[in-house]
N, C-alpha and C. Protein backbone atom coordinates (compact mmCIF):
# COMPACT_ATOMS: atom_id res chain seq x y z
N ASP A 1 -25.85 32.76 -14.32
CA ASP A 1 -25.61 32.64 -14.97
C ASP A 1 -25.05 31.22 -15.51
N MET A 2 -25.93 30.70 -16.02
CA MET A 2 -25.39 29.02 -16.17
C MET A 2 -24.23 28.06 -16.54
N GLN A 3 -23.95 29.42 -17.95
CA GLN A 3 -22.57 29.31 -18.64
C GLN A 3 -21.54 29.77 -17.31
N LEU A 4 -21.66 30.90 -16.70
CA LEU A 4 -20.78 30.67 -15.72
C LEU A 4 -20.38 30.05 -14.32
N TYR A 5 -21.71 29.78 -14.08
CA TYR A 5 -21.07 28.00 -13.10
C TYR A 5 -20.76 27.02 -13.77
N VAL A 6 -21.46 27.04 -14.75
CA VAL A 6 -20.03 25.36 -15.71
C VAL A 6 -19.12 25.94 -16.00
N ASP A 7 -18.99 27.05 -16.45
CA ASP A 7 -16.91 27.39 -16.62
C ASP A 7 -16.47 27.35 -15.39
N HIS A 8 -17.10 27.53 -14.35
CA HIS A 8 -16.27 27.81 -12.78
C HIS A 8 -16.10 26.43 -12.52
N ILE A 9 -16.92 25.13 -12.03
CA ILE A 9 -17.24 23.76 -12.31
C ILE A 9 -16.22 23.13 -12.75
N THR A 10 -15.88 23.42 -14.32
CA THR A 10 -14.97 23.03 -15.08
C THR A 10 -13.36 23.14 -14.71
N GLU A 11 -13.17 24.54 -14.34
CA GLU A 11 -11.93 25.18 -13.92
C GLU A 11 -11.92 24.57 -12.35
N HIS A 12 -12.58 24.58 -11.80
CA HIS A 12 -12.33 23.79 -10.63
C HIS A 12 -11.51 22.27 -10.51
N LEU A 13 -13.02 21.57 -11.78
CA LEU A 13 -12.88 20.13 -12.04
C LEU A 13 -11.74 20.09 -12.50
N TRP A 14 -10.63 20.86 -12.74
CA TRP A 14 -9.13 20.64 -14.34
C TRP A 14 -8.37 21.39 -12.68
N LYS A 15 -7.89 22.07 -12.06
CA LYS A 15 -7.62 22.26 -10.97
C LYS A 15 -7.46 21.05 -10.21
N GLU A 16 -8.66 20.67 -9.38
CA GLU A 16 -8.64 19.11 -8.59
C GLU A 16 -8.23 18.30 -9.41
N ASN A 17 -8.18 18.05 -10.96
CA ASN A 17 -6.83 16.85 -11.21
C ASN A 17 -6.10 16.99 -12.07
N ASN A 18 -5.13 18.89 -12.31
CA ASN A 18 -3.95 18.43 -12.47
C ASN A 18 -2.99 19.13 -11.49
N LYS A 19 -3.64 19.34 -10.19
CA LYS A 19 -2.69 19.68 -9.31
C LYS A 19 -2.91 19.30 -7.97
N LEU A 20 -4.03 19.19 -7.70
CA LEU A 20 -4.39 19.10 -5.95
C LEU A 20 -3.92 17.82 -5.73
N PHE A 21 -5.40 16.58 -6.94
CA PHE A 21 -4.60 15.03 -6.35
C PHE A 21 -3.37 14.91 -6.81
N MET A 22 -2.50 15.82 -8.14
CA MET A 22 -1.13 15.21 -8.13
C MET A 22 0.13 15.71 -7.03
N MET A 23 -0.47 16.63 -5.73
CA MET A 23 -0.02 17.09 -4.68
C MET A 23 -0.25 15.80 -3.93
N ALA A 24 -1.53 15.26 -3.55
CA ALA A 24 -1.68 14.74 -2.82
C ALA A 24 -0.88 13.10 -2.98
N GLU A 25 -1.39 12.83 -3.96
CA GLU A 25 0.07 11.47 -4.58
C GLU A 25 1.04 11.81 -4.32
N ALA A 26 1.42 12.56 -4.47
CA ALA A 26 2.87 12.78 -3.80
C ALA A 26 3.12 12.53 -3.05
N ARG A 27 2.38 13.55 -1.87
CA ARG A 27 2.64 13.19 -0.66
C ARG A 27 2.33 12.14 -0.50
N LEU A 28 1.32 10.75 -0.61
CA LEU A 28 1.25 10.26 -0.07
C LEU A 28 1.81 8.91 -0.48
N GLN A 29 2.82 9.22 -1.76
CA GLN A 29 3.93 7.89 -2.27
C GLN A 29 5.07 8.34 -0.95
N TYR A 30 5.26 9.74 -0.64
CA TYR A 30 6.42 9.72 0.48
C TYR A 30 6.03 8.91 1.35
N VAL A 31 4.87 8.72 1.91
CA VAL A 31 4.26 8.51 3.47
C VAL A 31 4.66 6.91 3.23
N SER A 32 3.69 6.73 2.03
CA SER A 32 4.05 5.19 1.65
C SER A 32 4.98 4.62 1.80
N LYS A 33 5.88 5.14 1.35
CA LYS A 33 7.25 4.88 1.37
C LYS A 33 8.18 4.86 2.85
N LYS A 34 8.33 5.83 3.22
CA LYS A 34 8.36 5.82 4.66
C LYS A 34 7.60 4.33 5.79
N VAL A 35 6.37 4.62 5.62
CA VAL A 35 5.61 3.97 6.31
C VAL A 35 6.13 2.04 6.37
N ASN A 36 6.40 1.65 4.81
CA ASN A 36 6.92 0.46 4.08
C ASN A 36 8.44 -0.18 4.90
N ALA A 37 9.32 0.91 4.98
CA ALA A 37 10.81 0.99 5.24
C ALA A 37 10.88 0.75 6.86
N ASP A 38 9.34 1.35 7.70
CA ASP A 38 9.24 1.02 8.70
C ASP A 38 9.07 -0.14 9.49
N LEU A 39 8.13 -0.17 8.72
CA LEU A 39 7.56 -2.11 8.35
C LEU A 39 8.47 -3.37 8.18
N ASP A 40 9.10 -2.76 7.46
CA ASP A 40 10.15 -3.34 6.88
C ASP A 40 11.68 -4.09 8.18
N THR A 41 11.83 -2.64 8.56
CA THR A 41 12.63 -2.97 10.11
C THR A 41 12.60 -3.51 11.59
N ILE A 42 10.98 -3.20 11.40
CA ILE A 42 10.25 -3.66 12.37
C ILE A 42 10.06 -5.54 12.38
N GLU A 43 9.96 -6.04 10.93
CA GLU A 43 9.51 -6.92 10.61
C GLU A 43 11.27 -7.23 10.89
N LYS A 44 12.25 -7.17 10.78
CA LYS A 44 13.65 -7.75 10.49
C LYS A 44 13.75 -7.33 12.20
N SER A 45 13.72 -6.80 12.61
CA SER A 45 14.12 -6.96 14.01
C SER A 45 13.58 -8.02 14.74
N GLN A 46 11.56 -8.20 14.42
CA GLN A 46 10.90 -8.78 15.29
C GLN A 46 12.20 -10.49 14.66
N LEU A 47 11.62 -10.50 14.26
CA LEU A 47 12.25 -12.02 13.48
C LEU A 47 14.06 -12.05 13.56
N ASN A 48 14.63 -10.94 13.67
CA ASN A 48 16.46 -11.12 14.01
C ASN A 48 15.52 -11.67 15.98
N ASP A 49 14.92 -11.34 16.27
CA ASP A 49 15.23 -11.56 17.57
C ASP A 49 14.19 -12.58 17.79
N LEU A 50 13.75 -13.69 17.24
CA LEU A 50 13.26 -14.41 16.90
C LEU A 50 13.50 -15.79 16.41
N GLY A 51 15.29 -15.54 15.95
CA GLY A 51 16.56 -16.14 15.02
C GLY A 51 15.27 -16.65 14.48
N LYS A 52 14.58 -16.23 13.49
CA LYS A 52 13.20 -16.79 11.88
C LYS A 52 14.35 -15.18 11.17
N SER A 53 13.48 -16.66 9.70
CA SER A 53 13.47 -15.26 8.52
C SER A 53 12.07 -14.92 8.49
N ARG A 54 11.78 -14.58 7.12
CA ARG A 54 10.04 -14.67 6.58
C ARG A 54 10.61 -15.37 5.74
N GLU A 55 11.97 -15.85 4.98
CA GLU A 55 11.19 -16.99 3.76
C GLU A 55 11.18 -18.04 5.10
N HIS A 56 11.18 -18.13 6.40
CA HIS A 56 10.45 -19.05 7.05
C HIS A 56 9.19 -19.37 7.30
N TYR A 57 8.96 -18.17 7.40
CA TYR A 57 6.93 -18.35 7.58
C TYR A 57 6.55 -18.04 6.28
N GLU A 58 7.40 -17.91 5.16
CA GLU A 58 6.42 -17.82 4.60
C GLU A 58 6.42 -19.74 3.20
N GLU A 59 7.66 -20.18 3.86
CA GLU A 59 8.06 -21.31 3.72
C GLU A 59 6.36 -22.27 4.65
N LEU A 60 6.67 -22.17 6.11
CA LEU A 60 5.71 -22.92 6.96
C LEU A 60 3.59 -22.22 6.26
N ALA A 61 4.25 -21.59 5.86
CA ALA A 61 2.63 -21.46 4.86
C ALA A 61 2.41 -21.83 3.71
N GLU A 62 2.91 -22.18 3.30
CA GLU A 62 3.33 -23.07 2.22
C GLU A 62 2.89 -24.49 2.67
N ASN A 63 3.33 -25.19 2.97
CA ASN A 63 3.54 -25.85 3.65
C ASN A 63 2.02 -26.44 4.17
N LEU A 64 1.68 -25.50 5.36
CA LEU A 64 -0.13 -25.69 6.09
C LEU A 64 -0.57 -25.80 4.38
N THR A 65 -0.61 -24.83 3.45
CA THR A 65 -1.86 -24.48 2.64
C THR A 65 -1.59 -25.86 1.64
N ARG A 66 -0.20 -26.00 1.62
CA ARG A 66 -0.18 -27.54 0.40
C ARG A 66 -1.18 -29.01 1.69
N ASP A 67 -1.10 -29.43 2.59
CA ASP A 67 -1.32 -30.46 4.13
C ASP A 67 -2.86 -29.88 4.27
N VAL A 68 -3.05 -28.90 4.05
CA VAL A 68 -4.73 -28.75 3.58
C VAL A 68 -5.62 -29.00 2.38
N SER A 69 -4.74 -28.57 1.42
CA SER A 69 -5.19 -28.96 0.68
C SER A 69 -5.30 -30.31 0.48
N ASN A 70 -4.20 -30.97 0.53
CA ASN A 70 -4.31 -32.51 0.48
C ASN A 70 -4.86 -33.62 0.92
N SER A 71 -5.24 -33.21 2.60
CA SER A 71 -6.24 -33.11 3.55
C SER A 71 -7.93 -33.30 3.48
N LYS A 72 -8.46 -32.56 1.92
CA LYS A 72 -9.66 -32.34 1.30
C LYS A 72 -9.99 -33.03 0.73
N ASN A 73 -8.43 -33.98 0.06
CA ASN A 73 -8.90 -35.25 -1.37
C ASN A 73 -8.56 -36.06 -0.09
């Protein structure tokens, strides 16, 4: 029966949208936070070993961008 199938799919989609996707999102947020924290730790360690800071490299990138832009004019 088509109505039974439609009802089944409707219930299935509701469950996906309101339960499964929310559970997956919560899990992914945790993993994302952990990955970001681990990357920050590694970045700080590497920069510390070099005696540099993130700000140093951000400033370097800005200066290079400005120099390239100025050389085109």
